[in-house]
């Protein structure tokens, strides 16, 4: 994970992604956590999955794995995946829909390409973020919620499509239940279109999913897979270059007073709680996912706070 110096006012840091291939020939790009910006508000992990084209028989497979202390939000741009968890919930996620999984005291889930898509080949492109829970909610009961495309607020005006995945912004309020004040949104700009980033939240970042974007009045542009960390209070206007569109993700929120420990799929304000989760998973005290047989061994070679393997 590296940074580049943008030489631009109102920009703190530009984080470049770490890329990995978890299998089936598709790429995951990760920009959080990073030593240059471990969190953005409550956001503690951010992955871009794909884009990928799966041949017949191929697909995305994240076998059963545990989580504590976080909420995982998944948003697809293309393709579909089926979520199964230890609560017995099964849900297929399609483009424009949102899944919000509250891990809290502990949950196990799997994410896979659906059998139908695997049989014929499919496309796959999505975003997944982890949102740390406030201390008072870290041990809340696990839950899973799915929101269809019509439930997610969206506006289209002057070449800007703004989709509010979670939180409140631009006069919209998402139905997604969150545990802290935040914003998470997709912004699609057509050629030359502009969008003003609101300064409501102390920490904010823009991730370039596709295309490139400029900041009005400042030199240079920001390219695909770059995470732009904004200075607190900065009021900027994003602009898609002429003859090009841009797809962006906006995230933001208030920083927590306590640091968060991240180990593999576990997030907590307590290092001792992380150790307990490791022991519980190693000794198979977590609940099982109905219909799943795989078991992912604990990655013993990870350092505390090193993040997780994709």
C-alpha atoms as a PDB file:
ATOM      1  CA  UNK A   1       0.000   0.000   0.000  1.00  0.00           C
ATOM      2  CA  UNK A   2       1.484   3.357  -1.027  1.00  0.00           C
ATOM      3  CA  UNK A   3       0.510   6.982  -1.339  1.00  0.00           C
ATOM      4  CA  UNK A   4       1.121   9.602  -3.949  1.00  0.00           C
ATOM      5  CA  UNK A   5       1.460  13.299  -3.239  1.00  0.00           C
ATOM      6  CA  UNK A   6      -1.378  15.098  -4.974  1.00  0.00           C
ATOM      7  CA  UNK A   7      -0.074  18.639  -4.480  1.00  0.00           C
ATOM      8  CA  UNK A   8      -3.689  19.676  -4.069  1.00  0.00           C
ATOM      9  CA  UNK A   9      -5.255  21.825  -1.357  1.00  0.00           C
ATOM     10  CA  UNK A  10      -7.989  20.188   0.752  1.00  0.00           C
ATOM     11  CA  UNK A  11      -6.479  16.713   0.145  1.00  0.00           C
ATOM     12  CA  UNK A  12      -4.780  14.990   3.069  1.00  0.00           C
ATOM     13  CA  UNK A  13      -3.507  11.827   1.372  1.00  0.00           C
ATOM     14  CA  UNK A  14      -4.111   9.752  -1.742  1.00  0.00           C
ATOM     15  CA  UNK A  15      -3.903   6.045  -0.929  1.00  0.00           C
ATOM     16  CA  UNK A  16      -3.110   3.530  -3.674  1.00  0.00           C
ATOM     17  CA  UNK A  17      -4.544   0.030  -3.314  1.00  0.00           C
ATOM     18  CA  UNK A  18      -3.059  -3.322  -2.483  1.00  0.00           C
ATOM     19  CA  UNK A  19      -4.292  -5.857  -5.048  1.00  0.00           C
ATOM     20  CA  UNK A  20      -4.759  -9.579  -4.513  1.00  0.00           C
ATOM     21  CA  UNK A  21      -6.304 -12.530  -6.319  1.00  0.00           C
ATOM     22  CA  UNK A  22      -8.412 -14.656  -3.959  1.00  0.00           C
ATOM     23  CA  UNK A  23      -9.102 -17.211  -6.690  1.00  0.00           C
ATOM     24  CA  UNK A  24     -11.023 -17.695  -9.946  1.00  0.00           C
ATOM     25  CA  UNK A  25      -8.855 -15.056 -11.604  1.00  0.00           C
ATOM     26  CA  UNK A  26     -10.460 -11.878 -10.281  1.00  0.00           C
ATOM     27  CA  UNK A  27      -8.850  -9.009  -8.397  1.00  0.00           C
ATOM     28  CA  UNK A  28      -9.610  -7.446  -5.021  1.00  0.00           C
ATOM     29  CA  UNK A  29      -8.296  -3.923  -4.443  1.00  0.00           C
ATOM     30  CA  UNK A  30      -7.987  -2.806  -0.802  1.00  0.00           C
ATOM     31  CA  UNK A  31      -7.392   0.780   0.360  1.00  0.00           C
ATOM     32  CA  UNK A  32      -8.423   0.436   4.021  1.00  0.00           C
ATOM     33  CA  UNK A  33      -6.892  -0.286   6.426  1.00  0.00           C
ATOM     34  CA  UNK A  34      -3.650   1.464   5.548  1.00  0.00           C
ATOM     35  CA  UNK A  35      -0.798   2.881   7.579  1.00  0.00           C
ATOM     36  CA  UNK A  36      -1.580   6.217   5.952  1.00  0.00           C
ATOM     37  CA  UNK A  37      -5.218   6.145   7.032  1.00  0.00           C
ATOM     38  CA  UNK A  38      -6.349   3.229   9.171  1.00  0.00           C
ATOM     39  CA  UNK A  39      -9.942   4.437   9.386  1.00  0.00           C
ATOM     40  CA  UNK A  40     -12.264   6.990   7.788  1.00  0.00           C
ATOM     41  CA  UNK A  41     -14.777   7.780  10.501  1.00  0.00           C
ATOM     42  CA  UNK A  42     -16.049   4.310  11.476  1.00  0.00           C
ATOM     43  CA  UNK A  43     -14.959   2.715   8.165  1.00  0.00           C
ATOM     44  CA  UNK A  44     -12.168   0.260   8.928  1.00  0.00           C
ATOM     45  CA  UNK A  45     -11.949  -1.747   5.682  1.00  0.00           C
ATOM     46  CA  UNK A  46     -12.785  -0.989   2.052  1.00  0.00           C
ATOM     47  CA  UNK A  47     -12.522  -3.494  -0.809  1.00  0.00           C
ATOM     48  CA  UNK A  48     -13.312  -3.268  -4.498  1.00  0.00           C
ATOM     49  CA  UNK A  49     -14.157  -6.748  -5.818  1.00  0.00           C
ATOM     50  CA  UNK A  50     -13.646  -7.094  -9.562  1.00  0.00           C
ATOM     51  CA  UNK A  51     -14.723  -6.288 -12.186  1.00  0.00           C
ATOM     52  CA  UNK A  52     -14.466  -9.881 -13.331  1.00  0.00           C
ATOM     53  CA  UNK A  53     -15.918 -12.164 -15.982  1.00  0.00           C
ATOM     54  CA  UNK A  54     -16.436 -15.724 -14.794  1.00  0.00           C
ATOM     55  CA  UNK A  55     -16.526 -18.572 -17.290  1.00  0.00           C
ATOM     56  CA  UNK A  56     -18.946 -21.463 -16.959  1.00  0.00           C
ATOM     57  CA  UNK A  57     -18.326 -23.254 -13.681  1.00  0.00           C
ATOM     58  CA  UNK A  58     -16.392 -20.347 -12.154  1.00  0.00           C
ATOM     59  CA  UNK A  59     -17.510 -17.866  -9.535  1.00  0.00           C
ATOM     60  CA  UNK A  60     -16.863 -15.914  -6.383  1.00  0.00           C
ATOM     61  CA  UNK A  61     -16.435 -18.082  -3.293  1.00  0.00           C
ATOM     62  CA  UNK A  62     -15.906 -16.807   0.234  1.00  0.00           C
ATOM     63  CA  UNK A  63     -16.512 -19.876   2.377  1.00  0.00           C
ATOM     64  CA  UNK A  64     -17.794 -19.714   5.959  1.00  0.00           C
ATOM     65  CA  UNK A  65     -15.805 -17.243   8.056  1.00  0.00           C
ATOM     66  CA  UNK A  66     -16.478 -15.396  11.339  1.00  0.00           C
ATOM     67  CA  UNK A  67     -16.825 -11.733  12.292  1.00  0.00           C
ATOM     68  CA  UNK A  68     -17.149  -9.745  15.508  1.00  0.00           C
ATOM     69  CA  UNK A  69     -17.446  -6.053  16.360  1.00  0.00           C
ATOM     70  CA  UNK A  70     -18.354  -4.698  12.932  1.00  0.00           C
ATOM     71  CA  UNK A  71     -21.075  -4.201  10.367  1.00  0.00           C
ATOM     72  CA  UNK A  72     -20.280  -5.383   6.828  1.00  0.00           C
ATOM     73  CA  UNK A  73     -22.040  -3.586   3.988  1.00  0.00           C
ATOM     74  CA  UNK A  74     -22.013  -5.038   0.464  1.00  0.00           C
ATOM     75  CA  UNK A  75     -23.108  -3.177  -2.676  1.00  0.00           C
ATOM     76  CA  UNK A  76     -23.003  -4.741  -6.137  1.00  0.00           C
ATOM     77  CA  UNK A  77     -22.522  -2.930  -9.429  1.00  0.00           C
ATOM     78  CA  UNK A  78     -22.768  -6.083 -11.548  1.00  0.00           C
ATOM     79  CA  UNK A  79     -23.490  -9.767 -10.990  1.00  0.00           C
ATOM     80  CA  UNK A  80     -25.042 -11.480  -7.988  1.00  0.00           C
ATOM     81  CA  UNK A  81     -23.982 -13.359  -4.866  1.00  0.00           C
ATOM     82  CA  UNK A  82     -25.845 -15.460  -2.338  1.00  0.00           C
ATOM     83  CA  UNK A  83     -25.315 -14.735   1.366  1.00  0.00           C
ATOM     84  CA  UNK A  84     -25.768 -17.498   3.953  1.00  0.00           C
ATOM     85  CA  UNK A  85     -25.173 -17.030   7.667  1.00  0.00           C
ATOM     86  CA  UNK A  86     -25.290 -18.744  11.039  1.00  0.00           C
ATOM     87  CA  UNK A  87     -28.638 -17.080  11.776  1.00  0.00           C
ATOM     88  CA  UNK A  88     -30.096 -19.264   9.034  1.00  0.00           C
ATOM     89  CA  UNK A  89     -30.637 -16.336   6.684  1.00  0.00           C
ATOM     90  CA  UNK A  90     -30.188 -16.804   2.934  1.00  0.00           C
ATOM     91  CA  UNK A  91     -30.382 -13.837   0.557  1.00  0.00           C
ATOM     92  CA  UNK A  92     -29.342 -13.184  -3.045  1.00  0.00           C
ATOM     93  CA  UNK A  93     -27.834  -9.740  -3.620  1.00  0.00           C
ATOM     94  CA  UNK A  94     -28.294  -8.043  -7.012  1.00  0.00           C
ATOM     95  CA  UNK A  95     -26.906  -4.768  -8.452  1.00  0.00           C
ATOM     96  CA  UNK A  96     -28.216  -1.661  -6.712  1.00  0.00           C
ATOM     97  CA  UNK A  97     -29.244  -3.617  -3.612  1.00  0.00           C
ATOM     98  CA  UNK A  98     -27.622  -3.382  -0.186  1.00  0.00           C
ATOM     99  CA  UNK A  99     -26.825  -6.024   2.400  1.00  0.00           C
ATOM    100  CA  UNK A 100     -25.978  -4.908   5.926  1.00  0.00           C
ATOM    101  CA  UNK A 101     -24.664  -7.606   8.254  1.00  0.00           C
ATOM    102  CA  UNK A 102     -24.233  -6.682  11.898  1.00  0.00           C
ATOM    103  CA  UNK A 103     -21.628  -9.036  13.358  1.00  0.00           C
ATOM    104  CA  UNK A 104     -21.712  -7.685  16.910  1.00  0.00           C
ATOM    105  CA  UNK A 105     -21.004 -10.503  19.378  1.00  0.00           C
ATOM    106  CA  UNK A 106     -20.343 -12.942  16.538  1.00  0.00           C
ATOM    107  CA  UNK A 107     -21.639 -14.302  13.251  1.00  0.00           C
ATOM    108  CA  UNK A 108     -20.408 -16.704  10.563  1.00  0.00           C
ATOM    109  CA  UNK A 109     -21.356 -16.288   6.900  1.00  0.00           C
ATOM    110  CA  UNK A 110     -20.468 -17.298   3.371  1.00  0.00           C
ATOM    111  CA  UNK A 111     -20.732 -15.396   0.086  1.00  0.00           C
ATOM    112  CA  UNK A 112     -20.817 -17.208  -3.240  1.00  0.00           C
ATOM    113  CA  UNK A 113     -21.852 -16.869  -6.851  1.00  0.00           C
ATOM    114  CA  UNK A 114     -25.337 -18.313  -7.240  1.00  0.00           C
ATOM    115  CA  UNK A 115     -25.601 -21.802  -8.809  1.00  0.00           C
ATOM    116  CA  UNK A 116     -27.547 -20.341 -11.761  1.00  0.00           C
ATOM    117  CA  UNK A 117     -24.880 -17.735 -12.547  1.00  0.00           C
ATOM    118  CA  UNK A 118     -22.124 -20.320 -12.109  1.00  0.00           C
ATOM    119  CA  UNK A 119     -23.807 -22.679 -14.568  1.00  0.00           C
ATOM    120  CA  UNK A 120     -23.794 -20.155 -17.407  1.00  0.00           C
ATOM    121  CA  UNK A 121     -20.925 -17.809 -16.547  1.00  0.00           C
ATOM    122  CA  UNK A 122     -21.388 -14.300 -15.205  1.00  0.00           C
ATOM    123  CA  UNK A 123     -19.968 -10.876 -14.500  1.00  0.00           C
ATOM    124  CA  UNK A 124     -19.027  -9.732 -11.011  1.00  0.00           C
ATOM    125  CA  UNK A 125     -18.264  -6.246  -9.668  1.00  0.00           C
ATOM    126  CA  UNK A 126     -18.902  -4.953  -6.183  1.00  0.00           C
ATOM    127  CA  UNK A 127     -17.875  -2.989  -3.124  1.00  0.00           C
ATOM    128  CA  UNK A 128     -17.611  -4.233   0.441  1.00  0.00           C
ATOM    129  CA  UNK A 129     -16.838  -2.121   3.489  1.00  0.00           C
ATOM    130  CA  UNK A 130     -16.502  -2.886   7.178  1.00  0.00           C
ATOM    131  CA  UNK A 131     -17.839  -0.358   9.648  1.00  0.00           C
ATOM    132  CA  UNK A 132     -16.602  -0.576  13.234  1.00  0.00           C
ATOM    133  CA  UNK A 133     -19.297  -0.481  15.903  1.00  0.00           C
ATOM    134  CA  UNK A 134     -19.243   2.007  18.805  1.00  0.00           C
ATOM    135  CA  UNK A 135     -18.071   0.449  22.074  1.00  0.00           C
ATOM    136  CA  UNK A 136     -21.576   0.266  23.512  1.00  0.00           C
ATOM    137  CA  UNK A 137     -22.749  -1.727  20.464  1.00  0.00           C
ATOM    138  CA  UNK A 138     -19.746  -3.997  19.864  1.00  0.00           C
ATOM    139  CA  UNK A 139     -21.460  -6.973  21.509  1.00  0.00           C
ATOM    140  CA  UNK A 140     -24.935  -6.351  20.075  1.00  0.00           C
ATOM    141  CA  UNK A 141     -26.802  -9.425  18.842  1.00  0.00           C
ATOM    142  CA  UNK A 142     -25.869 -10.410  15.287  1.00  0.00           C
ATOM    143  CA  UNK A 143     -28.327  -9.525  12.519  1.00  0.00           C
ATOM    144  CA  UNK A 144     -28.631  -9.381   8.738  1.00  0.00           C
ATOM    145  CA  UNK A 145     -30.739  -6.995   6.669  1.00  0.00           C
ATOM    146  CA  UNK A 146     -31.297  -6.850   2.914  1.00  0.00           C
ATOM    147  CA  UNK A 147     -32.622  -3.799   1.066  1.00  0.00           C
ATOM    148  CA  UNK A 148     -33.878  -3.979  -2.505  1.00  0.00           C
ATOM    149  CA  UNK A 149     -33.033  -1.359  -5.114  1.00  0.00           C
ATOM    150  CA  UNK A 150     -36.323   0.520  -4.731  1.00  0.00           C
ATOM    151  CA  UNK A 151     -35.718   0.995  -0.994  1.00  0.00           C
ATOM    152  CA  UNK A 152     -32.377   2.747  -1.481  1.00  0.00           C
ATOM    153  CA  UNK A 153     -32.714   6.544  -2.024  1.00  0.00           C
ATOM    154  CA  UNK A 154     -31.395   7.822  -5.332  1.00  0.00           C
ATOM    155  CA  UNK A 155     -31.430  11.168  -7.143  1.00  0.00           C
ATOM    156  CA  UNK A 156     -30.539  12.016 -10.756  1.00  0.00           C
ATOM    157  CA  UNK A 157     -29.964  15.622 -11.782  1.00  0.00           C
ATOM    158  CA  UNK A 158     -27.539  17.578 -13.985  1.00  0.00           C
ATOM    159  CA  UNK A 159     -25.552  14.505 -14.943  1.00  0.00           C
ATOM    160  CA  UNK A 160     -25.138  13.317 -11.345  1.00  0.00           C
ATOM    161  CA  UNK A 161     -26.624  10.070 -10.045  1.00  0.00           C
ATOM    162  CA  UNK A 162     -26.370   9.960  -6.258  1.00  0.00           C
ATOM    163  CA  UNK A 163     -27.248   6.707  -4.457  1.00  0.00           C
ATOM    164  CA  UNK A 164     -27.344   6.880  -0.659  1.00  0.00           C
ATOM    165  CA  UNK A 165     -26.394   3.433   0.625  1.00  0.00           C
ATOM    166  CA  UNK A 166     -26.314   4.333   4.322  1.00  0.00           C
ATOM    167  CA  UNK A 167     -26.613   7.425   6.496  1.00  0.00           C
ATOM    168  CA  UNK A 168     -27.986  10.834   5.532  1.00  0.00           C
ATOM    169  CA  UNK A 169     -26.849  13.321   2.882  1.00  0.00           C
ATOM    170  CA  UNK A 170     -28.106  15.577   0.097  1.00  0.00           C
ATOM    171  CA  UNK A 171     -31.595  15.700   1.590  1.00  0.00           C
ATOM    172  CA  UNK A 172     -31.858  11.905   1.587  1.00  0.00           C
ATOM    173  CA  UNK A 173     -32.035   9.414   4.451  1.00  0.00           C
ATOM    174  CA  UNK A 174     -31.210   5.736   3.904  1.00  0.00           C
ATOM    175  CA  UNK A 175     -33.400   3.098   5.578  1.00  0.00           C
ATOM    176  CA  UNK A 176     -30.271   1.099   6.465  1.00  0.00           C
ATOM    177  CA  UNK A 177     -29.967   0.918  10.252  1.00  0.00           C
ATOM    178  CA  UNK A 178     -26.547   2.140  11.365  1.00  0.00           C
ATOM    179  CA  UNK A 179     -24.989   2.448  14.815  1.00  0.00           C
ATOM    180  CA  UNK A 180     -23.142   5.755  14.315  1.00  0.00           C
ATOM    181  CA  UNK A 181     -23.408   8.940  12.276  1.00  0.00           C
ATOM    182  CA  UNK A 182     -21.973   8.222   8.821  1.00  0.00           C
ATOM    183  CA  UNK A 183     -22.443   8.554   5.084  1.00  0.00           C
ATOM    184  CA  UNK A 184     -21.842   5.907   2.428  1.00  0.00           C
ATOM    185  CA  UNK A 185     -22.885   6.652  -1.143  1.00  0.00           C
ATOM    186  CA  UNK A 186     -22.242   5.919  -4.801  1.00  0.00           C
ATOM    187  CA  UNK A 187     -21.812   8.897  -7.118  1.00  0.00           C
ATOM    188  CA  UNK A 188     -21.877   8.522 -10.902  1.00  0.00           C
ATOM    189  CA  UNK A 189     -20.858  11.604 -12.903  1.00  0.00           C
ATOM    190  CA  UNK A 190     -21.433  11.902 -16.636  1.00  0.00           C
ATOM    191  CA  UNK A 191     -18.996  13.868 -18.819  1.00  0.00           C
ATOM    192  CA  UNK A 192     -18.326  17.289 -17.285  1.00  0.00           C
ATOM    193  CA  UNK A 193     -20.832  16.854 -14.438  1.00  0.00           C
ATOM    194  CA  UNK A 194     -20.068  18.279 -10.995  1.00  0.00           C
ATOM    195  CA  UNK A 195     -20.860  17.266  -7.412  1.00  0.00           C
ATOM    196  CA  UNK A 196     -20.140  19.242  -4.249  1.00  0.00           C
ATOM    197  CA  UNK A 197     -18.950  17.067  -1.359  1.00  0.00           C
ATOM    198  CA  UNK A 198     -20.738  18.071   1.821  1.00  0.00           C
ATOM    199  CA  UNK A 199     -18.558  18.959   4.820  1.00  0.00           C
ATOM    200  CA  UNK A 200     -20.947  17.645   7.500  1.00  0.00           C
ATOM    201  CA  UNK A 201     -18.692  14.789   8.640  1.00  0.00           C
ATOM    202  CA  UNK A 202     -15.253  15.342  10.140  1.00  0.00           C
ATOM    203  CA  UNK A 203     -13.583  12.524   8.197  1.00  0.00           C
ATOM    204  CA  UNK A 204     -14.430  11.862   4.537  1.00  0.00           C
ATOM    205  CA  UNK A 205     -12.918  10.064   1.582  1.00  0.00           C
ATOM    206  CA  UNK A 206     -13.662   9.563  -2.096  1.00  0.00           C
ATOM    207  CA  UNK A 207     -12.801   6.283  -3.813  1.00  0.00           C
ATOM    208  CA  UNK A 208     -12.547   6.209  -7.615  1.00  0.00           C
ATOM    209  CA  UNK A 209     -14.225   2.992  -8.757  1.00  0.00           C
ATOM    210  CA  UNK A 210     -13.978   3.696 -12.491  1.00  0.00           C
ATOM    211  CA  UNK A 211     -12.840   6.536 -14.721  1.00  0.00           C
ATOM    212  CA  UNK A 212     -11.148   9.564 -13.218  1.00  0.00           C
ATOM    213  CA  UNK A 213     -12.210  12.709 -11.391  1.00  0.00           C
ATOM    214  CA  UNK A 214     -10.960  16.270 -10.990  1.00  0.00           C
ATOM    215  CA  UNK A 215     -11.372  18.807  -8.192  1.00  0.00           C
ATOM    216  CA  UNK A 216     -12.651  22.098  -9.537  1.00  0.00           C
ATOM    217  CA  UNK A 217     -10.087  24.891  -9.292  1.00  0.00           C
ATOM    218  CA  UNK A 218      -7.166  22.595  -8.534  1.00  0.00           C
ATOM    219  CA  UNK A 219      -4.661  20.881 -10.866  1.00  0.00           C
ATOM    220  CA  UNK A 220      -4.457  17.215 -11.752  1.00  0.00           C
ATOM    221  CA  UNK A 221      -6.900  14.355 -11.586  1.00  0.00           C
ATOM    222  CA  UNK A 222      -7.461  11.203  -9.553  1.00  0.00           C
ATOM    223  CA  UNK A 223      -7.551   7.816 -11.191  1.00  0.00           C
ATOM    224  CA  UNK A 224      -9.210   4.444 -10.795  1.00  0.00           C
ATOM    225  CA  UNK A 225      -8.659   2.649  -7.456  1.00  0.00           C
ATOM    226  CA  UNK A 226      -7.301   5.724  -5.674  1.00  0.00           C
ATOM    227  CA  UNK A 227      -8.684   6.694  -2.256  1.00  0.00           C
ATOM    228  CA  UNK A 228      -8.726  10.458  -1.712  1.00  0.00           C
ATOM    229  CA  UNK A 229      -8.645  11.379   1.985  1.00  0.00           C
ATOM    230  CA  UNK A 230     -10.073  14.865   2.469  1.00  0.00           C
ATOM    231  CA  UNK A 231      -8.994  17.426   5.022  1.00  0.00           C
ATOM    232  CA  UNK A 232     -11.597  18.038   7.756  1.00  0.00           C
ATOM    233  CA  UNK A 233     -13.991  20.787   6.739  1.00  0.00           C
ATOM    234  CA  UNK A 234     -12.721  20.969   3.155  1.00  0.00           C
ATOM    235  CA  UNK A 235     -15.426  22.040   0.706  1.00  0.00           C
ATOM    236  CA  UNK A 236     -14.624  20.633  -2.723  1.00  0.00           C
ATOM    237  CA  UNK A 237     -16.438  20.162  -6.001  1.00  0.00           C
ATOM    238  CA  UNK A 238     -15.760  16.979  -7.951  1.00  0.00           C
ATOM    239  CA  UNK A 239     -15.905  17.049 -11.741  1.00  0.00           C
ATOM    240  CA  UNK A 240     -15.791  14.351 -14.389  1.00  0.00           C
ATOM    241  CA  UNK A 241     -13.403  15.271 -17.212  1.00  0.00           C
ATOM    242  CA  UNK A 242     -14.815  16.156 -20.601  1.00  0.00           C
ATOM    243  CA  UNK A 243     -15.794  13.087 -22.643  1.00  0.00           C
ATOM    244  CA  UNK A 244     -15.357  10.788 -19.621  1.00  0.00           C
ATOM    245  CA  UNK A 245     -17.643   9.540 -16.873  1.00  0.00           C
ATOM    246  CA  UNK A 246     -16.666   8.651 -13.315  1.00  0.00           C
ATOM    247  CA  UNK A 247     -18.023   6.214 -10.750  1.00  0.00           C
ATOM    248  CA  UNK A 248     -17.121   7.107  -7.174  1.00  0.00           C
ATOM    249  CA  UNK A 249     -17.827   5.985  -3.625  1.00  0.00           C
ATOM    250  CA  UNK A 250     -18.170   8.526  -0.806  1.00  0.00           C
ATOM    251  CA  UNK A 251     -17.602   7.478   2.788  1.00  0.00           C
ATOM    252  CA  UNK A 252     -17.399   9.492   5.957  1.00  0.00           C
ATOM    253  CA  UNK A 253     -18.249   9.827   9.612  1.00  0.00           C
ATOM    254  CA  UNK A 254     -17.016  10.876  13.015  1.00  0.00           C
ATOM    255  CA  UNK A 255     -13.828   9.303  14.422  1.00  0.00           C
ATOM    256  CA  UNK A 256     -14.164   7.082  17.479  1.00  0.00           C
ATOM    257  CA  UNK A 257     -12.363   8.154  20.679  1.00  0.00           C
ATOM    258  CA  UNK A 258     -10.906   4.643  21.038  1.00  0.00           C
ATOM    259  CA  UNK A 259      -8.632   2.929  18.481  1.00  0.00           C
ATOM    260  CA  UNK A 260      -9.776  -0.296  16.852  1.00  0.00           C
ATOM    261  CA  UNK A 261      -7.819  -3.528  16.668  1.00  0.00           C
ATOM    262  CA  UNK A 262      -8.189  -5.471  13.413  1.00  0.00           C
ATOM    263  CA  UNK A 263      -7.128  -9.092  13.068  1.00  0.00           C
ATOM    264  CA  UNK A 264      -8.312 -11.203  10.126  1.00  0.00           C
ATOM    265  CA  UNK A 265     -12.120 -10.834  10.216  1.00  0.00           C
ATOM    266  CA  UNK A 266     -12.286  -9.515  13.777  1.00  0.00           C
ATOM    267  CA  UNK A 267     -12.618  -5.861  14.830  1.00  0.00           C
ATOM    268  CA  UNK A 268     -12.719  -4.665  18.431  1.00  0.00           C
ATOM    269  CA  UNK A 269     -11.736  -1.845  20.765  1.00  0.00           C
ATOM    270  CA  UNK A 270     -10.278  -4.580  23.008  1.00  0.00           C
ATOM    271  CA  UNK A 271      -7.183  -6.623  22.160  1.00  0.00           C
ATOM    272  CA  UNK A 272      -8.356  -9.203  24.705  1.00  0.00           C
ATOM    273  CA  UNK A 273     -11.670  -9.586  22.859  1.00  0.00           C
ATOM    274  CA  UNK A 274      -9.762 -10.288  19.652  1.00  0.00           C
ATOM    275  CA  UNK A 275      -7.804 -13.016  21.418  1.00  0.00           C
ATOM    276  CA  UNK A 276     -11.030 -14.542  22.713  1.00  0.00           C
ATOM    277  CA  UNK A 277     -12.522 -14.545  19.202  1.00  0.00           C
ATOM    278  CA  UNK A 278      -9.405 -16.279  17.866  1.00  0.00           C
ATOM    279  CA  UNK A 279      -9.720 -18.967  20.533  1.00  0.00           C
ATOM    280  CA  UNK A 280     -13.457 -19.366  19.910  1.00  0.00           C
ATOM    281  CA  UNK A 281     -12.916 -19.836  16.182  1.00  0.00           C
ATOM    282  CA  UNK A 282      -9.973 -22.192  16.622  1.00  0.00           C
ATOM    283  CA  UNK A 283     -11.995 -24.354  19.032  1.00  0.00           C
ATOM    284  CA  UNK A 284     -15.118 -24.105  16.836  1.00  0.00           C
ATOM    285  CA  UNK A 285     -17.292 -22.339  19.370  1.00  0.00           C
ATOM    286  CA  UNK A 286     -18.817 -20.059  16.719  1.00  0.00           C
ATOM    287  CA  UNK A 287     -22.195 -21.151  15.320  1.00  0.00           C
ATOM    288  CA  UNK A 288     -22.237 -22.955  11.961  1.00  0.00           C
ATOM    289  CA  UNK A 289     -23.794 -21.889   8.674  1.00  0.00           C
ATOM    290  CA  UNK A 290     -26.537 -24.348   7.698  1.00  0.00           C
ATOM    291  CA  UNK A 291     -25.629 -26.184   4.498  1.00  0.00           C
ATOM    292  CA  UNK A 292     -21.920 -25.239   4.602  1.00  0.00           C
ATOM    293  CA  UNK A 293     -19.160 -27.740   5.424  1.00  0.00           C
ATOM    294  CA  UNK A 294     -15.903 -25.802   4.932  1.00  0.00           C
ATOM    295  CA  UNK A 295     -13.768 -24.508   7.783  1.00  0.00           C
ATOM    296  CA  UNK A 296     -11.224 -21.701   7.305  1.00  0.00           C
ATOM    297  CA  UNK A 297      -8.243 -22.142   9.653  1.00  0.00           C
ATOM    298  CA  UNK A 298      -7.190 -19.137  11.680  1.00  0.00           C
ATOM    299  CA  UNK A 299      -4.308 -17.398   9.842  1.00  0.00           C
ATOM    300  CA  UNK A 300      -1.737 -17.651  12.618  1.00  0.00           C
ATOM    301  CA  UNK A 301       0.913 -15.753  10.649  1.00  0.00           C
ATOM    302  CA  UNK A 302      -0.967 -12.448  10.726  1.00  0.00           C
ATOM    303  CA  UNK A 303       0.267  -9.728  13.062  1.00  0.00           C
ATOM    304  CA  UNK A 304      -2.255  -8.003  15.310  1.00  0.00           C
ATOM    305  CA  UNK A 305      -3.805  -5.043  13.480  1.00  0.00           C
ATOM    306  CA  UNK A 306      -2.405  -6.298  10.171  1.00  0.00           C
ATOM    307  CA  UNK A 307      -5.853  -6.494   8.645  1.00  0.00           C
ATOM    308  CA  UNK A 308      -7.291  -9.573   7.002  1.00  0.00           C
ATOM    309  CA  UNK A 309      -6.520 -11.682   4.010  1.00  0.00           C
ATOM    310  CA  UNK A 310      -9.073 -11.301   1.210  1.00  0.00           C
END
